[in-house]
Amino acid sequence: MSKQKILLVDDEQDILDLLSYNLEKEGYEVYTAHNGLKGLEVARQVIPDMIVLDVMMPEMDGMEACKEIRDDERLKHVIVAFLTARNEDYSQIAGFDSGADDYIAKPIKTRVFISRVKALLRRNETVRPEAPKVEQAGIAIDKDRYVVFKEGQELTLPKKEFELLALLLSQPGRVFTRDFILTSVWGNDVIVGDRTIDVHIRKLREKLGDDHFKTIKGVGYKFEA
């Protein structure tokens, strides 16, 4: 069985050395880069299973690099986690908007970091849509291509927005609790902020319209056809 490949992109060499050492001990094949531009170059060469991006970097920051990754057909399904000391809501929202799957906070605790990496990779293996195409109320999703169509117009959503939309569309009218959504889309082992679901629902409403996404106060969300 081939090793899973992880690309680390950070401008601090000591962080790259620490994380590379611990990931290699766990059996991963590790690649490194010192800025977003070099990270993109390496990513396009090796097509990793996961990319860990620092947010603040010279030449190209993590946010811009993440957007470039999501625009590349070969890389759009790669897991992307931001490595950052910035925990403000606006930073997380901007990160999710650019297509990130998760945040890993500095200062880094290696055991927590390794656990988060394993959880994200495990989640990526298990979250795979069953039916290739689903259509409800003029909104269609192609799960093989990770593409959404609204009234025939093609849209590309960040990975977690897509997976949340696919979950809601899978059973129109059903109320999905917040806990069920977090488990289904982000996984049990992945820690995300309380506002994560709300941010993703807001972005879906902005892109696909407000009519179909209903908030059930204190419970969760549903899609109404």
C-alpha atoms as a PDB file:
ATOM      1  CA  MET A   1       0.000   0.000   0.000  1.00  0.00           C
ATOM      2  CA  SER A   2       1.435   3.385  -0.976  1.00  0.00           C
ATOM      3  CA  LYS A   3       2.071   6.002   1.663  1.00  0.00           C
ATOM      4  CA  GLN A   4      -0.278   8.953   1.994  1.00  0.00           C
ATOM      5  CA  LYS A   5       1.397  12.184   0.915  1.00  0.00           C
ATOM      6  CA  ILE A   6       1.303  15.373   2.981  1.00  0.00           C
ATOM      7  CA  LEU A   7       2.614  18.746   1.868  1.00  0.00           C
ATOM      8  CA  LEU A   8       3.636  21.241   4.576  1.00  0.00           C
ATOM      9  CA  VAL A   9       3.879  24.897   3.563  1.00  0.00           C
ATOM     10  CA  ASP A  10       5.312  27.288   6.149  1.00  0.00           C
ATOM     11  CA  ASP A  11       8.020  29.957   6.151  1.00  0.00           C
ATOM     12  CA  GLU A  12       9.400  28.809   9.539  1.00  0.00           C
ATOM     13  CA  GLN A  13      11.960  26.047   9.053  1.00  0.00           C
ATOM     14  CA  ASP A  14      11.738  24.819  12.647  1.00  0.00           C
ATOM     15  CA  ILE A  15       8.015  24.151  12.222  1.00  0.00           C
ATOM     16  CA  LEU A  16       8.627  22.279   8.972  1.00  0.00           C
ATOM     17  CA  ASP A  17      11.335  20.184  10.652  1.00  0.00           C
ATOM     18  CA  LEU A  18       9.171  19.379  13.690  1.00  0.00           C
ATOM     19  CA  LEU A  19       6.067  18.423  11.734  1.00  0.00           C
ATOM     20  CA  SER A  20       7.974  16.537   9.033  1.00  0.00           C
ATOM     21  CA  TYR A  21       9.774  14.437  11.640  1.00  0.00           C
ATOM     22  CA  ASN A  22       6.574  13.486  13.452  1.00  0.00           C
ATOM     23  CA  LEU A  23       4.598  12.787  10.274  1.00  0.00           C
ATOM     24  CA  GLU A  24       7.363  10.609   8.839  1.00  0.00           C
ATOM     25  CA  LYS A  25       7.432   8.633  12.102  1.00  0.00           C
ATOM     26  CA  GLU A  26       3.725   7.930  11.502  1.00  0.00           C
ATOM     27  CA  GLY A  27       4.489   6.566   8.037  1.00  0.00           C
ATOM     28  CA  TYR A  28       3.486   9.522   5.848  1.00  0.00           C
ATOM     29  CA  GLU A  29       5.436  10.716   2.818  1.00  0.00           C
ATOM     30  CA  VAL A  30       6.181  14.381   3.547  1.00  0.00           C
ATOM     31  CA  TYR A  31       6.989  17.281   1.225  1.00  0.00           C
ATOM     32  CA  THR A  32       7.744  20.862   2.276  1.00  0.00           C
ATOM     33  CA  ALA A  33       7.731  24.386   0.860  1.00  0.00           C
ATOM     34  CA  HIS A  34       8.512  27.805   2.332  1.00  0.00           C
ATOM     35  CA  ASN A  35       5.830  29.929   0.652  1.00  0.00           C
ATOM     36  CA  GLY A  36       2.559  29.638  -1.221  1.00  0.00           C
ATOM     37  CA  LEU A  37       4.069  29.884  -4.703  1.00  0.00           C
ATOM     38  CA  LYS A  38       6.536  27.078  -4.068  1.00  0.00           C
ATOM     39  CA  GLY A  39       3.797  25.116  -2.303  1.00  0.00           C
ATOM     40  CA  LEU A  40       1.612  25.263  -5.415  1.00  0.00           C
ATOM     41  CA  GLU A  41       4.503  24.129  -7.569  1.00  0.00           C
ATOM     42  CA  VAL A  42       5.184  21.118  -5.330  1.00  0.00           C
ATOM     43  CA  ALA A  43       1.468  20.303  -4.997  1.00  0.00           C
ATOM     44  CA  ARG A  44       1.041  20.158  -8.767  1.00  0.00           C
ATOM     45  CA  GLN A  45       4.032  17.843  -9.042  1.00  0.00           C
ATOM     46  CA  VAL A  46       3.161  15.317  -6.318  1.00  0.00           C
ATOM     47  CA  ILE A  47      -0.670  15.665  -5.932  1.00  0.00           C
ATOM     48  CA  PRO A  48      -0.697  15.163  -2.145  1.00  0.00           C
ATOM     49  CA  ASP A  49      -3.518  13.720  -0.069  1.00  0.00           C
ATOM     50  CA  MET A  50      -3.373  16.701   2.300  1.00  0.00           C
ATOM     51  CA  ILE A  51      -1.838  20.177   2.348  1.00  0.00           C
ATOM     52  CA  VAL A  52      -1.117  22.055   5.573  1.00  0.00           C
ATOM     53  CA  LEU A  53      -0.798  25.776   4.845  1.00  0.00           C
ATOM     54  CA  ASP A  54       0.479  28.561   7.035  1.00  0.00           C
ATOM     55  CA  VAL A  55      -1.691  31.665   6.600  1.00  0.00           C
ATOM     56  CA  MET A  56       0.938  34.407   6.817  1.00  0.00           C
ATOM     57  CA  MET A  57       3.736  33.749   4.298  1.00  0.00           C
ATOM     58  CA  PRO A  58       5.854  35.794   1.883  1.00  0.00           C
ATOM     59  CA  GLU A  59       5.223  35.908  -1.893  1.00  0.00           C
ATOM     60  CA  MET A  60       1.805  34.213  -1.648  1.00  0.00           C
ATOM     61  CA  ASP A  61      -0.131  33.777   1.582  1.00  0.00           C
ATOM     62  CA  GLY A  62      -2.113  30.706   2.564  1.00  0.00           C
ATOM     63  CA  MET A  63      -5.518  32.149   1.652  1.00  0.00           C
ATOM     64  CA  GLU A  64      -4.464  32.924  -1.909  1.00  0.00           C
ATOM     65  CA  ALA A  65      -2.680  29.589  -2.252  1.00  0.00           C
ATOM     66  CA  CYS A  66      -5.795  27.754  -1.078  1.00  0.00           C
ATOM     67  CA  LYS A  67      -7.918  29.499  -3.709  1.00  0.00           C
ATOM     68  CA  GLU A  68      -5.409  28.498  -6.384  1.00  0.00           C
ATOM     69  CA  ILE A  69      -5.541  24.913  -5.146  1.00  0.00           C
ATOM     70  CA  ARG A  70      -9.334  24.803  -5.323  1.00  0.00           C
ATOM     71  CA  ASP A  71      -9.245  26.220  -8.858  1.00  0.00           C
ATOM     72  CA  ASP A  72      -6.934  23.431 -10.029  1.00  0.00           C
ATOM     73  CA  GLU A  73      -8.925  20.413 -11.245  1.00  0.00           C
ATOM     74  CA  ARG A  74      -6.202  18.017 -10.081  1.00  0.00           C
ATOM     75  CA  LEU A  75      -6.051  19.496  -6.562  1.00  0.00           C
ATOM     76  CA  LYS A  76      -9.595  20.636  -5.797  1.00  0.00           C
ATOM     77  CA  HIS A  77     -10.385  17.526  -3.690  1.00  0.00           C
ATOM     78  CA  VAL A  78      -7.136  17.567  -1.693  1.00  0.00           C
ATOM     79  CA  ILE A  79      -7.653  18.209   2.028  1.00  0.00           C
ATOM     80  CA  VAL A  80      -6.440  21.680   3.027  1.00  0.00           C
ATOM     81  CA  ALA A  81      -5.866  22.692   6.640  1.00  0.00           C
ATOM     82  CA  PHE A  82      -4.607  26.099   7.706  1.00  0.00           C
ATOM     83  CA  LEU A  83      -1.862  26.275  10.292  1.00  0.00           C
ATOM     84  CA  THR A  84      -2.215  29.588  12.068  1.00  0.00           C
ATOM     85  CA  ALA A  85      -2.053  31.443  15.341  1.00  0.00           C
ATOM     86  CA  ARG A  86      -4.932  33.675  14.237  1.00  0.00           C
ATOM     87  CA  ASN A  87      -8.113  32.456  15.911  1.00  0.00           C
ATOM     88  CA  GLU A  88     -10.406  35.405  15.182  1.00  0.00           C
ATOM     89  CA  ASP A  89     -13.759  34.653  13.565  1.00  0.00           C
ATOM     90  CA  TYR A  90     -12.988  36.798  10.511  1.00  0.00           C
ATOM     91  CA  SER A  91      -9.809  34.830   9.823  1.00  0.00           C
ATOM     92  CA  GLN A  92     -11.651  31.500  10.033  1.00  0.00           C
ATOM     93  CA  ILE A  93     -14.488  32.743   7.830  1.00  0.00           C
ATOM     94  CA  ALA A  94     -11.997  33.965   5.226  1.00  0.00           C
ATOM     95  CA  GLY A  95     -10.243  30.612   5.387  1.00  0.00           C
ATOM     96  CA  PHE A  96     -13.404  28.614   4.866  1.00  0.00           C
ATOM     97  CA  ASP A  97     -14.420  30.948   2.043  1.00  0.00           C
ATOM     98  CA  SER A  98     -11.132  30.212   0.297  1.00  0.00           C
ATOM     99  CA  GLY A  99     -11.850  26.475   0.482  1.00  0.00           C
ATOM    100  CA  ALA A 100     -10.144  25.256   3.662  1.00  0.00           C
ATOM    101  CA  ASP A 101     -11.352  22.086   5.359  1.00  0.00           C
ATOM    102  CA  ASP A 102     -10.094  22.875   8.846  1.00  0.00           C
ATOM    103  CA  TYR A 103      -7.863  24.987  11.101  1.00  0.00           C
ATOM    104  CA  ILE A 104      -4.935  23.770  13.191  1.00  0.00           C
ATOM    105  CA  ALA A 105      -3.812  26.322  15.751  1.00  0.00           C
ATOM    106  CA  LYS A 106      -0.330  27.402  16.748  1.00  0.00           C
ATOM    107  CA  PRO A 107       1.488  26.865  19.061  1.00  0.00           C
ATOM    108  CA  ILE A 108       1.520  23.298  17.776  1.00  0.00           C
ATOM    109  CA  LYS A 109       1.081  20.316  20.055  1.00  0.00           C
ATOM    110  CA  THR A 110       2.440  17.448  18.009  1.00  0.00           C
ATOM    111  CA  ARG A 111       0.082  14.773  19.352  1.00  0.00           C
ATOM    112  CA  VAL A 112      -2.941  16.962  18.652  1.00  0.00           C
ATOM    113  CA  PHE A 113      -1.567  17.819  15.214  1.00  0.00           C
ATOM    114  CA  ILE A 114      -1.057  14.153  14.271  1.00  0.00           C
ATOM    115  CA  SER A 115      -4.531  13.249  15.569  1.00  0.00           C
ATOM    116  CA  ARG A 116      -6.088  16.031  13.505  1.00  0.00           C
ATOM    117  CA  VAL A 117      -4.225  14.961  10.375  1.00  0.00           C
ATOM    118  CA  LYS A 118      -5.354  11.346  10.830  1.00  0.00           C
ATOM    119  CA  ALA A 119      -8.954  12.423  11.431  1.00  0.00           C
ATOM    120  CA  LEU A 120      -9.050  14.605   8.318  1.00  0.00           C
ATOM    121  CA  LEU A 121      -7.537  11.905   6.121  1.00  0.00           C
ATOM    122  CA  ARG A 122      -9.893   9.301   7.566  1.00  0.00           C
ATOM    123  CA  ARG A 123     -12.854  11.589   6.991  1.00  0.00           C
ATOM    124  CA  ASN A 124     -11.844  12.148   3.383  1.00  0.00           C
ATOM    125  CA  GLU A 125     -11.821   8.393   2.780  1.00  0.00           C
ATOM    126  CA  THR A 126     -15.298   7.835   4.239  1.00  0.00           C
ATOM    127  CA  VAL A 127     -17.207  10.865   2.961  1.00  0.00           C
ATOM    128  CA  ARG A 128     -17.921   9.844  -0.566  1.00  0.00           C
ATOM    129  CA  PRO A 129     -21.302  10.455  -2.135  1.00  0.00           C
ATOM    130  CA  GLU A 130     -23.373   7.407  -3.051  1.00  0.00           C
ATOM    131  CA  ALA A 131     -25.515   8.601  -5.957  1.00  0.00           C
ATOM    132  CA  PRO A 132     -23.501  10.559  -8.540  1.00  0.00           C
ATOM    133  CA  LYS A 133     -26.230  13.124  -9.268  1.00  0.00           C
ATOM    134  CA  VAL A 134     -28.984  14.665  -7.149  1.00  0.00           C
ATOM    135  CA  GLU A 135     -31.446  17.386  -8.138  1.00  0.00           C
ATOM    136  CA  GLN A 136     -33.943  19.305  -6.016  1.00  0.00           C
ATOM    137  CA  ALA A 137     -35.794  22.554  -6.702  1.00  0.00           C
ATOM    138  CA  GLY A 138     -33.609  23.626  -9.626  1.00  0.00           C
ATOM    139  CA  ILE A 139     -30.392  22.850  -7.751  1.00  0.00           C
ATOM    140  CA  ALA A 140     -28.427  19.870  -9.073  1.00  0.00           C
ATOM    141  CA  ILE A 141     -25.189  18.409  -7.772  1.00  0.00           C
ATOM    142  CA  ASP A 142     -22.759  16.139  -9.545  1.00  0.00           C
ATOM    143  CA  LYS A 143     -20.994  14.322  -6.726  1.00  0.00           C
ATOM    144  CA  ASP A 144     -18.339  12.736  -8.906  1.00  0.00           C
ATOM    145  CA  ARG A 145     -17.189  16.111 -10.238  1.00  0.00           C
ATOM    146  CA  TYR A 146     -17.990  18.163  -7.105  1.00  0.00           C
ATOM    147  CA  VAL A 147     -19.968  20.589  -9.252  1.00  0.00           C
ATOM    148  CA  VAL A 148     -23.286  22.328  -8.509  1.00  0.00           C
ATOM    149  CA  PHE A 149     -25.798  23.573 -11.073  1.00  0.00           C
ATOM    150  CA  LYS A 150     -28.344  26.254 -10.259  1.00  0.00           C
ATOM    151  CA  GLU A 151     -30.944  26.488 -13.021  1.00  0.00           C
ATOM    152  CA  GLY A 152     -28.364  25.127 -15.450  1.00  0.00           C
ATOM    153  CA  GLN A 153     -25.558  27.466 -14.433  1.00  0.00           C
ATOM    154  CA  GLU A 154     -22.458  25.661 -13.190  1.00  0.00           C
ATOM    155  CA  LEU A 155     -21.012  26.653  -9.829  1.00  0.00           C
ATOM    156  CA  THR A 156     -17.959  25.359  -7.988  1.00  0.00           C
ATOM    157  CA  LEU A 157     -18.242  25.354  -4.196  1.00  0.00           C
ATOM    158  CA  PRO A 158     -15.554  24.841  -1.564  1.00  0.00           C
ATOM    159  CA  LYS A 159     -15.417  21.218  -0.484  1.00  0.00           C
ATOM    160  CA  LYS A 160     -17.225  21.524   2.859  1.00  0.00           C
ATOM    161  CA  GLU A 161     -19.960  23.737   1.405  1.00  0.00           C
ATOM    162  CA  PHE A 162     -20.497  21.075  -1.246  1.00  0.00           C
ATOM    163  CA  GLU A 163     -20.655  18.246   1.286  1.00  0.00           C
ATOM    164  CA  LEU A 164     -23.070  20.195   3.491  1.00  0.00           C
ATOM    165  CA  LEU A 165     -25.296  20.925   0.485  1.00  0.00           C
ATOM    166  CA  ALA A 166     -25.177  17.257  -0.573  1.00  0.00           C
ATOM    167  CA  LEU A 167     -26.252  16.187   2.916  1.00  0.00           C
ATOM    168  CA  LEU A 168     -29.203  18.598   3.056  1.00  0.00           C
ATOM    169  CA  LEU A 169     -30.332  17.712  -0.475  1.00  0.00           C
ATOM    170  CA  SER A 170     -30.168  14.001   0.282  1.00  0.00           C
ATOM    171  CA  GLN A 171     -33.430  14.213   2.284  1.00  0.00           C
ATOM    172  CA  PRO A 172     -35.437  17.379   1.564  1.00  0.00           C
ATOM    173  CA  GLY A 173     -37.661  18.362   4.462  1.00  0.00           C
ATOM    174  CA  ARG A 174     -35.654  16.455   7.049  1.00  0.00           C
ATOM    175  CA  VAL A 175     -34.263  18.531   9.902  1.00  0.00           C
ATOM    176  CA  PHE A 176     -30.582  17.727  10.362  1.00  0.00           C
ATOM    177  CA  THR A 177     -29.354  18.527  13.854  1.00  0.00           C
ATOM    178  CA  ARG A 178     -26.177  20.530  14.299  1.00  0.00           C
ATOM    179  CA  ASP A 179     -24.453  17.535  15.902  1.00  0.00           C
ATOM    180  CA  PHE A 180     -25.420  15.266  12.996  1.00  0.00           C
ATOM    181  CA  ILE A 181     -24.161  17.816  10.463  1.00  0.00           C
ATOM    182  CA  LEU A 182     -20.846  18.220  12.265  1.00  0.00           C
ATOM    183  CA  THR A 183     -20.361  14.458  12.482  1.00  0.00           C
ATOM    184  CA  SER A 184     -21.405  13.815   8.874  1.00  0.00           C
ATOM    185  CA  VAL A 185     -19.466  16.632   7.227  1.00  0.00           C
ATOM    186  CA  TRP A 186     -16.525  17.278   9.556  1.00  0.00           C
ATOM    187  CA  GLY A 187     -16.271  13.982  11.470  1.00  0.00           C
ATOM    188  CA  ASN A 188     -16.181  13.095  15.140  1.00  0.00           C
ATOM    189  CA  ASP A 189     -12.467  13.691  15.572  1.00  0.00           C
ATOM    190  CA  VAL A 190     -12.314  17.111  13.925  1.00  0.00           C
ATOM    191  CA  ILE A 191     -12.783  20.108  16.181  1.00  0.00           C
ATOM    192  CA  VAL A 192     -14.431  23.112  14.563  1.00  0.00           C
ATOM    193  CA  GLY A 193     -15.841  26.312  16.000  1.00  0.00           C
ATOM    194  CA  ASP A 194     -19.460  26.796  16.998  1.00  0.00           C
ATOM    195  CA  ARG A 195     -20.065  29.145  14.080  1.00  0.00           C
ATOM    196  CA  THR A 196     -18.688  26.819  11.399  1.00  0.00           C
ATOM    197  CA  ILE A 197     -22.075  25.459  10.269  1.00  0.00           C
ATOM    198  CA  ASP A 198     -23.662  28.912  10.359  1.00  0.00           C
ATOM    199  CA  VAL A 199     -20.892  30.349   8.173  1.00  0.00           C
ATOM    200  CA  HIS A 200     -21.288  27.570   5.607  1.00  0.00           C
ATOM    201  CA  ILE A 201     -25.094  27.881   5.531  1.00  0.00           C
ATOM    202  CA  ARG A 202     -24.768  31.631   5.043  1.00  0.00           C
ATOM    203  CA  LYS A 203     -22.455  31.094   2.079  1.00  0.00           C
ATOM    204  CA  LEU A 204     -24.848  28.549   0.536  1.00  0.00           C
ATOM    205  CA  ARG A 205     -27.711  31.032   0.895  1.00  0.00           C
ATOM    206  CA  GLU A 206     -25.648  33.742  -0.780  1.00  0.00           C
ATOM    207  CA  LYS A 207     -24.765  31.503  -3.727  1.00  0.00           C
ATOM    208  CA  LEU A 208     -27.955  29.455  -4.151  1.00  0.00           C
ATOM    209  CA  GLY A 209     -30.695  31.655  -2.709  1.00  0.00           C
ATOM    210  CA  ASP A 210     -32.302  32.059   0.681  1.00  0.00           C
ATOM    211  CA  ASP A 211     -35.576  30.264  -0.016  1.00  0.00           C
ATOM    212  CA  HIS A 212     -34.589  26.638   0.456  1.00  0.00           C
ATOM    213  CA  PHE A 213     -32.290  26.674   3.488  1.00  0.00           C
ATOM    214  CA  LYS A 214     -34.375  26.796   6.652  1.00  0.00           C
ATOM    215  CA  THR A 215     -33.082  27.340  10.175  1.00  0.00           C
ATOM    216  CA  ILE A 216     -34.815  25.361  12.916  1.00  0.00           C
ATOM    217  CA  LYS A 217     -33.901  27.407  15.955  1.00  0.00           C
ATOM    218  CA  GLY A 218     -32.061  25.451  18.602  1.00  0.00           C
ATOM    219  CA  VAL A 219     -32.048  22.289  16.482  1.00  0.00           C
ATOM    220  CA  GLY A 220     -30.405  22.580  13.065  1.00  0.00           C
ATOM    221  CA  TYR A 221     -31.166  23.076   9.380  1.00  0.00           C
ATOM    222  CA  LYS A 222     -33.211  21.607   6.554  1.00  0.00           C
ATOM    223  CA  PHE A 223     -33.605  21.999   2.797  1.00  0.00           C
ATOM    224  CA  GLU A 224     -37.114  22.662   1.476  1.00  0.00           C
ATOM    225  CA  ALA A 225     -37.760  21.867  -2.181  1.00  0.00           C
END
